[in-house]
């Protein structure tokens, strides 16, 4: 099992911004892609790791949902508060 660093969301977002600085900027997903991920209960991180929308990867990078939500000027898709209402995965 992959271990997730014991950090908080703010630290993971800061780590993501540091990642952007080291890797020539950033290219966030478009809103349709982000909405699709969130509807599936997942999200990518800037390094392409797959995590829950409000989480971060084992490298300590926040999900794109967290990064964009933290900016405050971008409407991120609402999270589904009830996972049982998602369609079953096949």
N, C-alpha and C. Protein backbone atom coordinates (compact mmCIF):
# COMPACT_ATOMS: atom_id res chain seq x y z
N UNK A 1 0.84 -1.17 0.00
CA UNK A 1 0.00 0.00 0.00
C UNK A 1 0.89 1.24 0.00
N UNK A 2 0.46 2.25 -0.76
CA UNK A 2 1.20 3.50 -0.87
C UNK A 2 0.88 4.39 0.32
N UNK A 3 1.92 4.92 0.95
CA UNK A 3 1.74 5.79 2.09
C UNK A 3 1.64 7.24 1.63
N UNK A 4 0.66 7.95 2.17
CA UNK A 4 0.48 9.37 1.89
C UNK A 4 1.17 10.15 3.00
N UNK A 5 1.96 11.17 2.65
CA UNK A 5 2.66 11.93 3.69
C UNK A 5 1.71 12.53 4.72
N UNK A 6 2.16 12.59 5.96
CA UNK A 6 1.37 13.17 7.05
C UNK A 6 1.52 14.69 7.01
N UNK A 7 0.83 15.31 6.06
CA UNK A 7 0.84 16.76 5.92
C UNK A 7 -0.61 17.22 5.83
N UNK A 8 -0.82 18.53 5.75
CA UNK A 8 -2.19 19.02 5.59
C UNK A 8 -2.36 19.57 4.17
N UNK A 9 -3.60 19.93 3.84
CA UNK A 9 -3.91 20.39 2.49
C UNK A 9 -3.10 21.64 2.11
N UNK A 10 -2.95 22.57 3.05
CA UNK A 10 -2.21 23.80 2.75
C UNK A 10 -0.75 23.49 2.39
N UNK A 11 -0.15 22.55 3.07
CA UNK A 11 1.23 22.16 2.77
C UNK A 11 1.29 21.47 1.41
N UNK A 12 0.32 20.61 1.12
CA UNK A 12 0.28 19.93 -0.17
C UNK A 12 0.12 20.92 -1.32
N UNK A 13 -0.70 21.95 -1.13
CA UNK A 13 -0.87 22.99 -2.15
C UNK A 13 0.45 23.76 -2.32
N UNK A 14 1.09 24.10 -1.23
CA UNK A 14 2.39 24.79 -1.30
C UNK A 14 3.42 23.91 -2.03
N UNK A 15 3.41 22.62 -1.74
CA UNK A 15 4.31 21.69 -2.43
C UNK A 15 4.03 21.68 -3.93
N UNK A 16 2.75 21.74 -4.30
CA UNK A 16 2.39 21.75 -5.72
C UNK A 16 2.94 23.01 -6.39
N UNK A 17 2.82 24.16 -5.73
CA UNK A 17 3.35 25.40 -6.31
C UNK A 17 4.87 25.34 -6.45
N UNK A 18 5.54 24.73 -5.49
CA UNK A 18 6.99 24.55 -5.60
C UNK A 18 7.31 23.62 -6.78
N UNK A 19 6.49 22.59 -6.97
CA UNK A 19 6.64 21.67 -8.09
C UNK A 19 6.53 22.45 -9.41
N UNK A 20 5.55 23.36 -9.49
CA UNK A 20 5.38 24.16 -10.71
C UNK A 20 6.63 24.98 -11.00
N UNK A 21 7.22 25.57 -9.97
CA UNK A 21 8.41 26.39 -10.13
C UNK A 21 9.59 25.57 -10.64
N UNK A 22 9.71 24.35 -10.14
CA UNK A 22 10.81 23.47 -10.55
C UNK A 22 10.59 22.86 -11.93
N UNK A 23 9.35 22.83 -12.38
CA UNK A 23 9.02 22.11 -13.62
C UNK A 23 8.39 23.01 -14.68
N UNK A 24 8.91 24.21 -14.79
CA UNK A 24 8.53 25.15 -15.85
C UNK A 24 7.04 25.47 -15.90
N UNK A 25 6.47 25.79 -14.77
CA UNK A 25 5.08 26.24 -14.77
C UNK A 25 4.07 25.12 -14.58
N UNK A 26 2.85 25.44 -14.97
CA UNK A 26 1.78 24.48 -14.72
C UNK A 26 0.77 24.52 -15.85
N UNK A 27 0.06 23.43 -16.01
CA UNK A 27 -0.98 23.31 -17.03
C UNK A 27 -2.16 22.58 -16.39
N UNK A 28 -3.05 23.33 -15.75
CA UNK A 28 -4.18 22.68 -15.08
C UNK A 28 -5.13 22.03 -16.07
N UNK A 29 -5.89 21.07 -15.60
CA UNK A 29 -6.88 20.43 -16.48
C UNK A 29 -7.98 21.43 -16.82
N UNK A 30 -8.64 21.21 -17.95
CA UNK A 30 -9.78 22.06 -18.28
C UNK A 30 -10.95 21.70 -17.37
N UNK A 31 -11.92 22.57 -17.30
CA UNK A 31 -13.05 22.38 -16.38
C UNK A 31 -13.81 21.09 -16.66
N UNK A 32 -13.98 20.73 -17.93
CA UNK A 32 -14.70 19.49 -18.26
C UNK A 32 -13.97 18.26 -17.73
N UNK A 33 -12.67 18.25 -17.87
CA UNK A 33 -11.87 17.13 -17.37
C UNK A 33 -11.95 17.06 -15.85
N UNK A 34 -11.78 18.20 -15.19
CA UNK A 34 -11.86 18.23 -13.73
C UNK A 34 -13.24 17.78 -13.25
N UNK A 35 -14.27 18.22 -13.91
CA UNK A 35 -15.64 17.83 -13.55
C UNK A 35 -15.83 16.33 -13.70
N UNK A 36 -15.30 15.76 -14.76
CA UNK A 36 -15.40 14.31 -14.98
C UNK A 36 -14.67 13.54 -13.88
N UNK A 37 -13.46 13.99 -13.55
CA UNK A 37 -12.71 13.32 -12.48
C UNK A 37 -13.49 13.35 -11.18
N UNK A 38 -13.97 14.53 -10.81
CA UNK A 38 -14.68 14.70 -9.54
C UNK A 38 -15.94 13.85 -9.52
N UNK A 39 -16.65 13.76 -10.63
CA UNK A 39 -17.84 12.92 -10.71
C UNK A 39 -17.49 11.45 -10.46
N UNK A 40 -16.28 11.07 -10.84
CA UNK A 40 -15.81 9.70 -10.61
C UNK A 40 -15.19 9.53 -9.22
N UNK A 41 -15.10 10.62 -8.46
CA UNK A 41 -14.54 10.54 -7.10
C UNK A 41 -13.03 10.51 -7.07
N UNK A 42 -12.39 10.95 -8.17
CA UNK A 42 -10.93 10.95 -8.25
C UNK A 42 -10.46 12.29 -8.77
N UNK A 43 -9.15 12.48 -8.75
CA UNK A 43 -8.54 13.67 -9.30
C UNK A 43 -7.07 13.36 -9.55
N UNK A 44 -6.48 14.05 -10.47
CA UNK A 44 -5.04 13.94 -10.71
C UNK A 44 -4.31 15.01 -9.92
N UNK A 45 -3.06 14.73 -9.63
CA UNK A 45 -2.15 15.72 -9.07
C UNK A 45 -1.30 16.25 -10.21
N UNK A 46 -0.57 17.33 -10.02
CA UNK A 46 0.28 17.85 -11.10
C UNK A 46 1.29 16.84 -11.64
N UNK A 47 1.68 15.86 -10.84
CA UNK A 47 2.62 14.84 -11.32
C UNK A 47 1.90 13.62 -11.89
N UNK A 48 0.58 13.73 -12.09
CA UNK A 48 -0.28 12.71 -12.70
C UNK A 48 -0.69 11.59 -11.74
N UNK A 49 -0.32 11.65 -10.47
CA UNK A 49 -0.81 10.65 -9.51
C UNK A 49 -2.33 10.78 -9.41
N UNK A 50 -3.00 9.68 -9.18
CA UNK A 50 -4.46 9.64 -9.05
C UNK A 50 -4.83 9.54 -7.57
N UNK A 51 -5.63 10.52 -7.10
CA UNK A 51 -6.01 10.59 -5.69
C UNK A 51 -7.47 11.02 -5.58
N UNK A 52 -7.98 11.09 -4.36
CA UNK A 52 -9.30 11.67 -4.12
C UNK A 52 -9.21 13.18 -4.34
N UNK A 53 -10.32 13.84 -4.73
CA UNK A 53 -10.26 15.28 -5.03
C UNK A 53 -9.70 16.15 -3.89
N UNK A 54 -9.97 15.82 -2.65
CA UNK A 54 -9.50 16.63 -1.52
C UNK A 54 -8.28 16.02 -0.86
N UNK A 55 -7.42 15.39 -1.66
CA UNK A 55 -6.28 14.69 -1.09
C UNK A 55 -5.00 15.10 -1.82
N UNK A 56 -3.92 14.39 -1.51
CA UNK A 56 -2.63 14.62 -2.12
C UNK A 56 -1.95 13.28 -2.29
N UNK A 57 -0.94 13.27 -3.13
CA UNK A 57 -0.28 12.01 -3.46
C UNK A 57 0.87 11.69 -2.51
N UNK A 58 1.47 10.55 -2.73
CA UNK A 58 2.57 10.10 -1.87
C UNK A 58 3.81 10.99 -2.01
N UNK A 59 3.82 11.82 -3.06
CA UNK A 59 4.92 12.76 -3.25
C UNK A 59 4.65 14.09 -2.55
N UNK A 60 3.46 14.21 -1.92
CA UNK A 60 3.12 15.41 -1.17
C UNK A 60 2.51 16.53 -2.00
N UNK A 61 2.07 16.22 -3.24
CA UNK A 61 1.47 17.22 -4.11
C UNK A 61 -0.05 17.17 -4.02
N UNK A 62 -0.66 18.33 -3.88
CA UNK A 62 -2.12 18.43 -3.79
C UNK A 62 -2.76 18.04 -5.12
N UNK A 63 -4.00 17.56 -5.04
CA UNK A 63 -4.77 17.30 -6.26
C UNK A 63 -5.02 18.62 -6.98
N UNK A 64 -5.31 18.52 -8.26
CA UNK A 64 -5.66 19.74 -9.01
C UNK A 64 -6.88 20.41 -8.41
N UNK A 65 -7.83 19.64 -7.88
CA UNK A 65 -9.02 20.23 -7.26
C UNK A 65 -8.60 21.14 -6.10
N UNK A 66 -7.72 20.64 -5.25
CA UNK A 66 -7.26 21.46 -4.11
C UNK A 66 -6.49 22.70 -4.58
N UNK A 67 -5.62 22.52 -5.57
CA UNK A 67 -4.81 23.64 -6.07
C UNK A 67 -5.73 24.73 -6.62
N UNK A 68 -6.68 24.34 -7.47
CA UNK A 68 -7.56 25.33 -8.09
C UNK A 68 -8.54 25.92 -7.10
N UNK A 69 -9.02 25.11 -6.16
CA UNK A 69 -9.92 25.63 -5.13
C UNK A 69 -9.20 26.66 -4.26
N UNK A 70 -7.94 26.41 -3.98
CA UNK A 70 -7.16 27.32 -3.15
C UNK A 70 -6.98 28.70 -3.80
N UNK A 71 -6.95 28.74 -5.11
CA UNK A 71 -6.81 30.03 -5.81
C UNK A 71 -8.00 30.93 -5.54
N UNK A 72 -9.17 30.35 -5.37
CA UNK A 72 -10.35 31.11 -4.99
C UNK A 72 -11.05 31.84 -6.10
N UNK A 73 -10.41 32.00 -7.25
CA UNK A 73 -11.06 32.74 -8.34
C UNK A 73 -11.50 31.82 -9.48
N UNK A 74 -11.44 30.52 -9.25
CA UNK A 74 -11.86 29.53 -10.24
C UNK A 74 -12.98 28.71 -9.63
N UNK A 75 -14.06 28.55 -10.38
CA UNK A 75 -15.16 27.71 -9.90
C UNK A 75 -14.81 26.25 -10.14
N UNK A 76 -14.47 25.56 -9.06
CA UNK A 76 -14.19 24.13 -9.17
C UNK A 76 -15.49 23.37 -9.01
N UNK A 77 -15.58 22.17 -9.60
CA UNK A 77 -16.81 21.40 -9.47
C UNK A 77 -17.07 21.03 -8.01
N UNK A 78 -18.33 21.05 -7.63
CA UNK A 78 -18.70 20.66 -6.27
C UNK A 78 -18.40 19.18 -6.07
N UNK A 79 -17.99 18.87 -4.86
CA UNK A 79 -17.73 17.47 -4.52
C UNK A 79 -19.03 16.80 -4.15
N UNK A 80 -19.15 15.54 -4.50
CA UNK A 80 -20.33 14.77 -4.15
C UNK A 80 -20.20 14.34 -2.69
N UNK A 81 -21.03 14.88 -1.80
CA UNK A 81 -20.88 14.56 -0.38
C UNK A 81 -21.32 13.15 -0.02
N UNK A 82 -22.07 12.49 -0.90
CA UNK A 82 -22.57 11.15 -0.61
C UNK A 82 -22.05 10.17 -1.64
N UNK A 83 -20.93 9.46 -1.33
CA UNK A 83 -20.35 8.54 -2.31
C UNK A 83 -21.31 7.45 -2.75
N UNK A 84 -22.31 7.12 -1.96
CA UNK A 84 -23.23 6.06 -2.34
C UNK A 84 -24.15 6.49 -3.48
N UNK A 85 -24.20 7.79 -3.77
CA UNK A 85 -25.07 8.26 -4.85
C UNK A 85 -24.35 8.25 -6.20
N UNK A 86 -23.05 7.92 -6.19
CA UNK A 86 -22.31 7.79 -7.46
C UNK A 86 -22.72 6.51 -8.15
N UNK A 87 -22.72 6.52 -9.48
CA UNK A 87 -22.99 5.26 -10.18
C UNK A 87 -21.91 4.25 -9.85
N UNK A 88 -22.25 2.96 -9.87
CA UNK A 88 -21.23 1.93 -9.56
C UNK A 88 -20.15 1.91 -10.64
N UNK A 89 -18.93 1.62 -10.20
CA UNK A 89 -17.82 1.50 -11.14
C UNK A 89 -17.75 0.07 -11.64
N UNK A 90 -17.45 -0.08 -12.92
CA UNK A 90 -17.38 -1.44 -13.52
C UNK A 90 -15.99 -1.78 -13.91
